[in-house]
Amino acid sequence: MNILNKSTYAILCAFAFITNVLSAENIEAIRSSYFPAGKKISEKKQTILLIGDSIRMLYSPYVAKAFRDEADVVGPAENCEDSEKILKNWKAWVVDKKPAIVFINCGLHDIKLDRRTGKHQVEAEKYRNNLMEIGNRLKELNVIAVWALTTPVIEDWHNRIQGFDRKNTDVITYNKIASEVMSAKGIPVCDLFGVITNAAPNTVYKQDGVHYLPAGSELLANSVIKAIRYHSTLK
């Protein structure tokens, strides 16, 4: 047996060993992970970046599913919480992702009210300044950006089980600030507040009066998807 034949024989033996050890399903899974059916490996998709708190984390899977054949939907694995934290992590969470589209919100953590001091986690004027900076940074990136209004809270449900308060009047005040700032920056706004306000609470809210049942998250996701399609080339 010459060298070439010996090499070929060794490769065939190794392949035979692997295929005997791995099931057909495992082999197909490995193959598919490198060569997905119907997809060109060199294909370049746009990146949709979702930034926001736990509400964003709940609706993200629905958005990713809707755009799975058109774009890569990404977002931080952690809760982005308030406007201060978003600015602090801007490079890692936004710039480094090189997005084409950014759908962004913060507000529910900004309005958290300390019962002892009577102060918000981020006071309204600071929130305005932070959003102005976020708007500036979005414009510098030259991306398609959409701001989402903060969703409403059911105060009675929320405040009786939490160690801090959230007030719906604050949601409205901070949303007004966001609308003013984003309008001045030429950044469109998606009214997720209105989407939830028009829904029956028992069908969309969890018992904490802030987070959402799957039906509520899917309802929000549908509005997110429509807004992204409307303001981008993803039709």
Protein backbone atom coordinates (compact mmCIF):
# COMPACT_ATOMS: atom_id res chain seq x y z
CA MET A 1 0.00 0.00 0.00
CA ASN A 2 1.64 3.30 -1.09
CA ILE A 3 1.68 6.51 1.00
CA LEU A 4 -1.36 8.00 -0.74
CA ASN A 5 -3.37 4.86 -0.24
CA LYS A 6 -2.32 4.65 3.40
CA SER A 7 -3.44 8.25 4.00
CA THR A 8 -6.74 7.64 2.27
CA TYR A 9 -7.25 4.47 4.25
CA ALA A 10 -6.56 6.28 7.53
CA ILE A 11 -9.06 9.02 6.71
CA LEU A 12 -11.72 6.47 5.78
CA CYS A 13 -11.11 4.55 9.01
CA ALA A 14 -11.40 7.72 11.07
CA PHE A 15 -14.60 8.70 9.30
CA ALA A 16 -16.04 5.22 9.84
CA PHE A 17 -15.18 5.44 13.55
CA ILE A 18 -16.83 8.85 13.94
CA THR A 19 -19.99 7.87 12.10
CA ASN A 20 -20.33 4.77 14.24
CA VAL A 21 -19.93 6.76 17.47
CA LEU A 22 -22.23 9.63 16.48
CA SER A 23 -25.86 9.08 15.67
CA ALA A 24 -27.25 10.19 12.35
CA GLU A 25 -29.09 12.98 14.17
CA ASN A 26 -25.89 14.28 15.77
CA ILE A 27 -24.02 14.22 12.48
CA GLU A 28 -26.83 16.16 10.81
CA ALA A 29 -26.86 18.68 13.67
CA ILE A 30 -23.13 19.28 13.26
CA ARG A 31 -23.48 19.60 9.51
CA SER A 32 -26.42 21.97 9.81
CA SER A 33 -24.60 24.22 12.27
CA TYR A 34 -21.94 24.90 9.64
CA PHE A 35 -24.06 24.65 6.51
CA PRO A 36 -27.63 25.77 7.34
CA ALA A 37 -30.15 24.59 4.77
CA GLY A 38 -31.12 27.23 2.24
CA LYS A 39 -28.60 29.78 3.54
CA LYS A 40 -25.43 30.99 1.89
CA ILE A 41 -22.56 31.11 4.36
CA SER A 42 -21.28 34.37 2.85
CA GLU A 43 -24.66 36.08 3.17
CA LYS A 44 -24.44 39.36 5.11
CA LYS A 45 -27.51 40.27 7.10
CA GLN A 46 -28.34 43.56 8.71
CA THR A 47 -28.09 43.68 12.49
CA ILE A 48 -31.10 44.83 14.49
CA LEU A 49 -30.06 45.85 18.00
CA LEU A 50 -32.65 45.85 20.79
CA ILE A 51 -31.71 47.88 23.87
CA GLY A 52 -33.88 48.06 26.96
CA ASP A 53 -34.89 46.59 30.29
CA SER A 54 -36.62 43.32 31.15
CA ILE A 55 -39.61 44.26 29.00
CA ARG A 56 -37.26 44.21 26.00
CA MET A 57 -35.87 40.88 27.14
CA LEU A 58 -39.40 39.40 27.14
CA TYR A 59 -40.38 40.54 23.64
CA SER A 60 -36.98 39.99 21.99
CA PRO A 61 -37.55 36.30 21.06
CA TYR A 62 -40.68 37.19 19.09
CA VAL A 63 -38.83 39.93 17.21
CA ALA A 64 -35.90 37.62 16.46
CA LYS A 65 -38.27 34.97 15.10
CA ALA A 66 -40.01 37.49 12.83
CA PHE A 67 -36.73 38.64 11.26
CA ARG A 68 -34.86 35.33 11.32
CA ASP A 69 -34.57 35.16 7.51
CA GLU A 70 -33.83 38.86 7.03
CA ALA A 71 -31.66 40.16 9.86
CA ASP A 72 -29.70 39.20 12.95
CA VAL A 73 -31.53 40.41 16.04
CA VAL A 74 -29.17 40.99 18.95
CA GLY A 75 -29.19 42.66 22.36
CA PRO A 76 -27.37 42.60 25.69
CA ALA A 77 -27.87 39.43 27.69
CA GLU A 78 -28.39 41.54 30.79
CA ASN A 79 -31.05 44.03 31.79
CA CYS A 80 -30.02 47.46 30.47
CA GLU A 81 -32.03 49.12 33.27
CA ASP A 82 -31.82 52.93 33.23
CA SER A 83 -30.44 55.70 31.02
CA GLU A 84 -27.29 56.04 33.11
CA LYS A 85 -26.38 52.39 32.64
CA ILE A 86 -27.01 52.53 28.89
CA LEU A 87 -24.63 55.48 28.50
CA LYS A 88 -22.02 53.79 30.68
CA ASN A 89 -22.11 50.65 28.51
CA TRP A 90 -22.66 52.37 25.18
CA LYS A 91 -19.54 51.09 23.45
CA ALA A 92 -19.98 47.44 24.43
CA TRP A 93 -23.74 47.33 24.01
CA VAL A 94 -24.16 49.51 20.93
CA VAL A 95 -21.04 50.64 19.06
CA ASP A 96 -19.28 47.27 19.07
CA LYS A 97 -22.37 45.52 17.67
CA LYS A 98 -22.21 47.60 14.45
CA PRO A 99 -26.00 47.69 14.08
CA ALA A 100 -27.92 48.95 11.08
CA ILE A 101 -31.06 49.43 13.18
CA VAL A 102 -31.37 50.31 16.88
CA PHE A 103 -34.67 49.95 18.74
CA ILE A 104 -34.16 51.42 22.19
CA ASN A 105 -35.93 52.27 25.42
CA CYS A 106 -35.30 53.05 29.05
CA GLY A 107 -37.62 54.50 31.65
CA LEU A 108 -39.06 51.94 34.04
CA HIS A 109 -35.86 51.87 36.09
CA ASP A 110 -35.34 55.63 35.82
CA ILE A 111 -38.72 56.26 37.49
CA LYS A 112 -38.14 53.89 40.42
CA LEU A 113 -39.09 55.90 43.51
CA ASP A 114 -37.33 55.47 46.84
CA ARG A 115 -40.01 55.53 49.54
CA ARG A 116 -37.59 56.83 52.16
CA THR A 117 -36.05 59.71 50.22
CA GLY A 118 -38.83 60.41 47.72
CA LYS A 119 -36.23 60.52 44.95
CA HIS A 120 -36.27 58.76 41.59
CA GLN A 121 -33.43 56.53 40.48
CA VAL A 122 -32.85 59.05 37.68
CA GLU A 123 -34.64 62.37 38.16
CA ALA A 124 -36.59 63.85 35.27
CA GLU A 125 -34.12 66.56 34.27
CA LYS A 126 -31.22 64.11 34.38
CA TYR A 127 -33.29 61.72 32.29
CA ARG A 128 -33.80 64.48 29.72
CA ASN A 129 -30.06 65.18 29.58
CA ASN A 130 -29.24 61.48 29.28
CA LEU A 131 -31.71 61.02 26.43
CA MET A 132 -30.26 64.03 24.64
CA GLU A 133 -26.86 62.36 24.83
CA ILE A 134 -28.28 59.02 23.69
CA GLY A 135 -29.93 60.81 20.76
CA ASN A 136 -26.65 62.49 19.84
CA ARG A 137 -24.79 59.20 19.94
CA LEU A 138 -27.41 57.48 17.77
CA LYS A 139 -27.09 60.22 15.17
CA GLU A 140 -23.29 59.88 15.22
CA LEU A 141 -23.63 56.16 14.44
CA ASN A 142 -25.68 56.96 11.35
CA VAL A 143 -28.10 54.11 12.07
CA ILE A 144 -31.85 53.76 11.72
CA ALA A 145 -33.03 54.42 15.27
CA VAL A 146 -36.46 54.06 16.87
CA TRP A 147 -37.24 55.06 20.45
CA ALA A 148 -39.89 53.08 22.35
CA LEU A 149 -42.10 54.80 24.88
CA THR A 150 -42.05 53.21 28.32
CA THR A 151 -44.93 50.85 29.08
CA PRO A 152 -47.49 51.66 31.81
CA VAL A 153 -47.55 50.21 35.31
CA ILE A 154 -50.47 49.04 37.43
CA GLU A 155 -49.51 50.85 40.63
CA ASP A 156 -51.67 48.86 43.07
CA TRP A 157 -50.34 45.53 41.82
CA HIS A 158 -46.74 46.70 41.69
CA ASN A 159 -46.35 48.80 44.83
CA ARG A 160 -47.89 46.29 47.23
CA ILE A 161 -45.23 43.66 46.46
CA GLN A 162 -42.12 45.77 45.75
CA GLY A 163 -39.82 47.62 48.14
CA PHE A 164 -40.02 50.75 45.97
CA ASP A 165 -42.73 52.53 44.06
CA ARG A 166 -43.45 53.17 40.41
CA LYS A 167 -46.11 55.71 39.44
CA ASN A 168 -47.95 55.83 36.17
CA THR A 169 -47.89 59.62 36.29
CA ASP A 170 -44.10 59.38 36.20
CA VAL A 171 -44.27 57.05 33.20
CA ILE A 172 -46.34 59.68 31.40
CA THR A 173 -43.98 62.51 32.42
CA TYR A 174 -40.86 60.64 31.32
CA ASN A 175 -42.51 59.55 28.07
CA LYS A 176 -43.33 63.20 27.37
CA ILE A 177 -39.65 64.05 27.89
CA ALA A 178 -38.59 61.20 25.60
CA SER A 179 -41.02 62.27 22.87
CA GLU A 180 -39.75 65.86 23.00
CA VAL A 181 -36.09 64.87 22.92
CA MET A 182 -36.43 62.31 20.15
CA SER A 183 -38.58 64.61 18.05
CA ALA A 184 -35.88 67.28 18.29
CA LYS A 185 -33.28 64.71 17.21
CA GLY A 186 -35.38 63.45 14.29
CA ILE A 187 -35.74 59.99 15.84
CA PRO A 188 -39.17 58.33 15.45
CA VAL A 189 -41.07 57.04 18.46
CA CYS A 190 -42.95 53.75 18.85
CA ASP A 191 -45.88 54.07 21.26
CA LEU A 192 -45.65 50.89 23.34
CA PHE A 193 -47.41 52.77 26.15
CA GLY A 194 -50.53 53.11 24.01
CA VAL A 195 -50.36 49.50 22.87
CA ILE A 196 -50.61 48.21 26.44
CA THR A 197 -53.07 50.88 27.61
CA ASN A 198 -55.56 49.60 25.04
CA ALA A 199 -55.28 45.99 26.23
CA ALA A 200 -57.22 44.30 29.02
CA PRO A 201 -54.82 44.14 32.02
CA ASN A 202 -55.66 40.57 33.02
CA THR A 203 -54.78 39.32 29.55
CA VAL A 204 -51.33 40.92 29.29
CA TYR A 205 -49.87 41.64 32.77
CA LYS A 206 -48.19 39.39 35.25
CA GLN A 207 -49.16 39.84 38.90
CA ASP A 208 -46.44 42.44 39.53
CA GLY A 209 -48.21 44.98 37.31
CA VAL A 210 -45.07 45.69 35.26
CA HIS A 211 -43.98 42.54 33.43
CA TYR A 212 -45.96 40.70 30.80
CA LEU A 213 -47.52 37.36 30.12
CA PRO A 214 -46.56 35.80 26.77
CA ALA A 215 -49.64 37.40 25.20
CA GLY A 216 -48.50 40.82 26.38
CA SER A 217 -44.93 40.35 25.20
CA GLU A 218 -46.14 39.17 21.81
CA LEU A 219 -48.44 42.18 21.56
CA LEU A 220 -45.48 44.48 22.22
CA ALA A 221 -43.30 42.55 19.79
CA ASN A 222 -45.83 43.00 17.00
CA SER A 223 -45.59 46.78 17.42
CA VAL A 224 -41.79 46.63 17.55
CA ILE A 225 -41.72 44.59 14.35
CA LYS A 226 -44.09 46.97 12.57
CA ALA A 227 -42.06 50.00 13.64
CA ILE A 228 -38.78 48.46 12.47
CA ARG A 229 -40.27 47.48 9.12
CA TYR A 230 -41.87 50.91 8.64
CA HIS A 231 -38.67 52.86 9.35
CA SER A 232 -36.22 50.56 7.57
CA THR A 233 -35.70 48.70 4.30
CA LEU A 234 -36.99 45.50 5.90
CA LYS A 235 -40.48 45.44 4.39
